[in-house]
Amino acid sequence: MKVRPLGDRVLIKRMEPKEQVKGGIIIPDTAKEKPLEGTVVSVGEGRYDDKGKLIPMTVKEGQKVLVGKYAGTEIKIDEVEHIIVREDEILGIIE
């Protein structure tokens, strides 16, 4: 299945956190925090300003980005967890 975001939305695949077991304690998946990093899978065309001029997207496919903990809408595509966020919800680009 392919998903193409509309407007100024960005489809991001969350990066899997590295599991570290300290002292033999195993933390269940429900108690783990969602990762804040992800890879841009697809971007929309951009947004329009008040005069109807298209403002292109800053992020591009393949870039690694930081998003807020509760940002966006979670979806599953081919059993892989993704989120769709507006471009202004992206906190930064990891270089």
N, C-alpha and C. Protein backbone atom coordinates (compact mmCIF):
# COMPACT_ATOMS: atom_id res chain seq x y z
N MET A 1 0.84 -1.17 0.00
CA MET A 1 0.00 0.00 0.00
C MET A 1 0.89 1.24 0.00
N LYS A 2 0.53 2.23 -0.79
CA LYS A 2 1.27 3.49 -0.83
C LYS A 2 0.37 4.59 -0.29
N VAL A 3 0.97 5.48 0.48
CA VAL A 3 0.25 6.62 1.02
C VAL A 3 1.00 7.88 0.63
N ARG A 4 0.30 8.82 0.04
CA ARG A 4 0.90 10.10 -0.33
C ARG A 4 0.22 11.19 0.49
N PRO A 5 0.97 11.85 1.37
CA PRO A 5 0.37 12.90 2.20
C PRO A 5 -0.09 14.08 1.35
N LEU A 6 -1.10 14.76 1.83
CA LEU A 6 -1.63 15.93 1.14
C LEU A 6 -1.15 17.21 1.82
N GLY A 7 -1.10 18.28 1.06
CA GLY A 7 -0.75 19.59 1.62
C GLY A 7 0.63 19.62 2.25
N ASP A 8 0.68 20.11 3.49
CA ASP A 8 1.96 20.24 4.18
C ASP A 8 2.19 19.11 5.17
N ARG A 9 1.65 17.94 4.87
CA ARG A 9 1.82 16.79 5.76
C ARG A 9 3.00 15.92 5.32
N VAL A 10 3.55 15.20 6.30
CA VAL A 10 4.74 14.38 6.07
C VAL A 10 4.48 12.99 6.66
N LEU A 11 4.80 11.94 5.91
CA LEU A 11 4.69 10.56 6.39
C LEU A 11 6.05 10.14 6.92
N ILE A 12 6.10 9.72 8.19
CA ILE A 12 7.37 9.40 8.85
C ILE A 12 7.31 7.98 9.40
N LYS A 13 8.36 7.23 9.15
CA LYS A 13 8.51 5.88 9.73
C LYS A 13 9.35 6.03 10.99
N ARG A 14 8.78 5.61 12.11
CA ARG A 14 9.51 5.72 13.37
C ARG A 14 10.69 4.77 13.39
N MET A 15 11.78 5.23 13.98
CA MET A 15 12.96 4.38 14.13
C MET A 15 12.77 3.50 15.34
N GLU A 16 13.13 2.24 15.20
CA GLU A 16 13.00 1.30 16.31
C GLU A 16 14.03 1.62 17.38
N PRO A 17 13.61 1.74 18.64
CA PRO A 17 14.59 2.02 19.70
C PRO A 17 15.47 0.81 19.95
N LYS A 18 16.70 1.07 20.34
CA LYS A 18 17.62 -0.01 20.67
C LYS A 18 17.25 -0.52 22.06
N GLU A 19 17.03 -1.82 22.15
CA GLU A 19 16.65 -2.40 23.44
C GLU A 19 17.87 -2.63 24.30
N GLN A 20 17.81 -2.12 25.51
CA GLN A 20 18.87 -2.32 26.46
C GLN A 20 18.24 -2.83 27.75
N VAL A 21 18.70 -3.96 28.20
CA VAL A 21 18.18 -4.54 29.43
C VAL A 21 19.23 -4.29 30.51
N LYS A 22 18.83 -3.55 31.53
CA LYS A 22 19.75 -3.25 32.62
C LYS A 22 19.31 -4.01 33.85
N GLY A 23 20.20 -4.75 34.41
CA GLY A 23 19.90 -5.47 35.65
C GLY A 23 18.89 -6.57 35.50
N GLY A 24 18.67 -7.06 34.27
CA GLY A 24 17.76 -8.16 34.06
C GLY A 24 16.28 -7.78 34.08
N ILE A 25 15.96 -6.47 34.11
CA ILE A 25 14.56 -6.04 34.12
C ILE A 25 14.10 -5.86 32.68
N ILE A 26 12.99 -6.50 32.36
CA ILE A 26 12.43 -6.40 31.02
C ILE A 26 11.22 -5.48 31.09
N ILE A 27 11.25 -4.43 30.27
CA ILE A 27 10.15 -3.46 30.25
C ILE A 27 9.17 -3.87 29.16
N PRO A 28 7.87 -4.01 29.50
CA PRO A 28 6.88 -4.38 28.48
C PRO A 28 6.71 -3.28 27.44
N ASP A 29 6.28 -3.69 26.23
CA ASP A 29 6.13 -2.74 25.13
C ASP A 29 5.18 -1.60 25.46
N THR A 30 4.15 -1.87 26.25
CA THR A 30 3.17 -0.84 26.57
C THR A 30 3.75 0.25 27.46
N ALA A 31 4.81 -0.03 28.20
CA ALA A 31 5.42 0.95 29.10
C ALA A 31 6.55 1.72 28.44
N LYS A 32 6.98 1.29 27.26
CA LYS A 32 8.09 1.96 26.58
C LYS A 32 7.61 3.26 25.96
N GLU A 33 8.52 4.24 25.93
CA GLU A 33 8.20 5.50 25.29
C GLU A 33 8.36 5.38 23.78
N LYS A 34 7.55 6.13 23.06
CA LYS A 34 7.65 6.14 21.60
C LYS A 34 8.92 6.88 21.20
N PRO A 35 9.62 6.40 20.18
CA PRO A 35 10.83 7.10 19.74
C PRO A 35 10.48 8.45 19.13
N LEU A 36 11.38 9.39 19.31
CA LEU A 36 11.17 10.73 18.79
C LEU A 36 11.82 10.93 17.43
N GLU A 37 12.60 9.94 16.98
CA GLU A 37 13.27 10.03 15.69
C GLU A 37 12.53 9.22 14.65
N GLY A 38 12.66 9.65 13.40
CA GLY A 38 12.05 8.90 12.32
C GLY A 38 12.65 9.28 10.99
N THR A 39 12.31 8.51 9.97
CA THR A 39 12.78 8.76 8.62
C THR A 39 11.60 9.18 7.76
N VAL A 40 11.78 10.25 7.00
CA VAL A 40 10.72 10.76 6.13
C VAL A 40 10.53 9.79 4.97
N VAL A 41 9.31 9.27 4.83
CA VAL A 41 8.99 8.33 3.76
C VAL A 41 8.41 9.06 2.56
N SER A 42 7.54 10.02 2.82
CA SER A 42 6.87 10.74 1.74
C SER A 42 6.45 12.12 2.24
N VAL A 43 6.42 13.11 1.34
CA VAL A 43 6.00 14.46 1.70
C VAL A 43 4.91 14.95 0.75
N GLY A 44 4.09 15.85 1.24
CA GLY A 44 3.07 16.47 0.40
C GLY A 44 3.70 17.55 -0.48
N GLU A 45 2.86 18.23 -1.24
CA GLU A 45 3.38 19.23 -2.18
C GLU A 45 3.73 20.56 -1.50
N GLY A 46 3.21 20.80 -0.32
CA GLY A 46 3.45 22.06 0.38
C GLY A 46 2.13 22.70 0.74
N ARG A 47 2.21 23.91 1.29
CA ARG A 47 0.98 24.61 1.66
C ARG A 47 0.88 25.91 0.89
N TYR A 48 -0.32 26.44 0.84
CA TYR A 48 -0.57 27.68 0.13
C TYR A 48 -0.71 28.82 1.14
N ASP A 49 -0.12 29.98 0.80
CA ASP A 49 -0.26 31.14 1.68
C ASP A 49 -1.58 31.85 1.39
N ASP A 50 -1.80 32.98 2.03
CA ASP A 50 -3.07 33.72 1.88
C ASP A 50 -3.30 34.22 0.46
N LYS A 51 -2.25 34.40 -0.31
CA LYS A 51 -2.37 34.91 -1.67
C LYS A 51 -2.45 33.79 -2.70
N GLY A 52 -2.43 32.52 -2.26
CA GLY A 52 -2.52 31.39 -3.17
C GLY A 52 -1.20 30.91 -3.71
N LYS A 53 -0.09 31.43 -3.18
CA LYS A 53 1.23 31.02 -3.63
C LYS A 53 1.65 29.75 -2.88
N LEU A 54 2.18 28.76 -3.61
CA LEU A 54 2.61 27.50 -3.01
C LEU A 54 3.93 27.68 -2.29
N ILE A 55 3.97 27.29 -1.02
CA ILE A 55 5.20 27.31 -0.23
C ILE A 55 5.71 25.87 -0.20
N PRO A 56 6.86 25.60 -0.83
CA PRO A 56 7.35 24.21 -0.91
C PRO A 56 7.79 23.68 0.46
N MET A 57 7.88 22.36 0.56
CA MET A 57 8.27 21.70 1.80
C MET A 57 9.77 21.86 2.05
N THR A 58 10.14 21.94 3.32
CA THR A 58 11.54 22.04 3.72
C THR A 58 12.18 20.66 3.80
N VAL A 59 11.42 19.68 4.34
CA VAL A 59 11.96 18.33 4.49
C VAL A 59 11.81 17.56 3.19
N LYS A 60 12.70 16.57 3.02
CA LYS A 60 12.68 15.74 1.81
C LYS A 60 12.69 14.27 2.21
N GLU A 61 12.28 13.42 1.29
CA GLU A 61 12.27 11.98 1.53
C GLU A 61 13.66 11.49 1.89
N GLY A 62 13.74 10.58 2.87
CA GLY A 62 15.00 9.99 3.27
C GLY A 62 15.69 10.71 4.42
N GLN A 63 15.27 11.92 4.75
CA GLN A 63 15.91 12.65 5.85
C GLN A 63 15.46 12.08 7.19
N LYS A 64 16.34 12.17 8.19
CA LYS A 64 15.98 11.77 9.56
C LYS A 64 15.54 13.02 10.30
N VAL A 65 14.42 12.90 11.01
CA VAL A 65 13.84 14.06 11.68
C VAL A 65 13.49 13.75 13.12
N LEU A 66 13.29 14.80 13.91
CA LEU A 66 12.80 14.69 15.28
C LEU A 66 11.37 15.21 15.31
N VAL A 67 10.50 14.47 15.98
CA VAL A 67 9.11 14.90 16.12
C VAL A 67 8.74 14.89 17.59
N GLY A 68 7.70 15.62 17.94
CA GLY A 68 7.23 15.66 19.31
C GLY A 68 6.67 14.31 19.74
N LYS A 69 6.67 14.08 21.04
CA LYS A 69 6.23 12.80 21.58
C LYS A 69 4.78 12.48 21.21
N TYR A 70 3.92 13.48 21.22
CA TYR A 70 2.50 13.24 20.95
C TYR A 70 2.05 13.85 19.63
N ALA A 71 2.98 14.13 18.73
CA ALA A 71 2.66 14.77 17.46
C ALA A 71 2.07 13.78 16.47
N GLY A 72 1.20 14.27 15.61
CA GLY A 72 0.72 13.51 14.47
C GLY A 72 -0.31 12.45 14.77
N THR A 73 -0.63 11.70 13.72
CA THR A 73 -1.59 10.61 13.76
C THR A 73 -0.88 9.32 13.40
N GLU A 74 -1.02 8.32 14.26
CA GLU A 74 -0.36 7.04 14.01
C GLU A 74 -1.18 6.19 13.05
N ILE A 75 -0.49 5.56 12.09
CA ILE A 75 -1.13 4.63 11.16
C ILE A 75 -0.20 3.45 10.95
N LYS A 76 -0.77 2.33 10.49
CA LYS A 76 0.04 1.16 10.14
C LYS A 76 -0.06 0.94 8.64
N ILE A 77 1.11 0.80 8.01
CA ILE A 77 1.17 0.52 6.58
C ILE A 77 1.97 -0.76 6.44
N ASP A 78 1.37 -1.80 5.92
CA ASP A 78 2.00 -3.10 5.78
C ASP A 78 2.61 -3.57 7.11
N GLU A 79 1.84 -3.42 8.19
CA GLU A 79 2.23 -3.84 9.54
C GLU A 79 3.44 -3.08 10.10
N VAL A 80 3.77 -1.92 9.52
CA VAL A 80 4.85 -1.08 10.02
C VAL A 80 4.24 0.22 10.52
N GLU A 81 4.64 0.64 11.72
CA GLU A 81 4.06 1.83 12.33
C GLU A 81 4.66 3.10 11.73
N HIS A 82 3.79 4.01 11.29
CA HIS A 82 4.17 5.30 10.74
C HIS A 82 3.35 6.38 11.45
N ILE A 83 3.76 7.63 11.28
CA ILE A 83 2.95 8.74 11.74
C ILE A 83 2.87 9.76 10.61
N ILE A 84 1.75 10.46 10.57
CA ILE A 84 1.56 11.56 9.63
C ILE A 84 1.50 12.84 10.47
N VAL A 85 2.38 13.78 10.16
CA VAL A 85 2.44 15.04 10.89
C VAL A 85 2.45 16.20 9.91
N ARG A 86 2.06 17.37 10.40
CA ARG A 86 2.22 18.59 9.61
C ARG A 86 3.70 18.98 9.67
N GLU A 87 4.16 19.68 8.66
CA GLU A 87 5.57 20.05 8.63
C GLU A 87 5.95 20.89 9.84
N ASP A 88 5.06 21.74 10.34
CA ASP A 88 5.41 22.57 11.49
C ASP A 88 5.47 21.80 12.81
N GLU A 89 5.07 20.52 12.81
CA GLU A 89 5.20 19.67 14.00
C GLU A 89 6.57 18.98 14.06
N ILE A 90 7.34 19.08 13.00
CA ILE A 90 8.69 18.50 12.98
C ILE A 90 9.61 19.47 13.72
N LEU A 91 10.31 18.95 14.72
CA LEU A 91 11.16 19.78 15.56
C LEU A 91 12.51 20.09 14.93
N GLY A 92 13.04 19.17 14.13
CA GLY A 92 14.33 19.41 13.51
C GLY A 92 14.74 18.28 12.58
N ILE A 93 15.76 18.55 11.79
CA ILE A 93 16.32 17.58 10.86
C ILE A 93 17.66 17.11 11.41
N ILE A 94 17.87 15.80 11.48
CA ILE A 94 19.12 15.24 11.99
C ILE A 94 20.10 15.10 10.83
N GLU A 95 21.25 15.73 10.97
CA GLU A 95 22.25 15.67 9.89
C GLU A 95 23.41 14.81 10.27
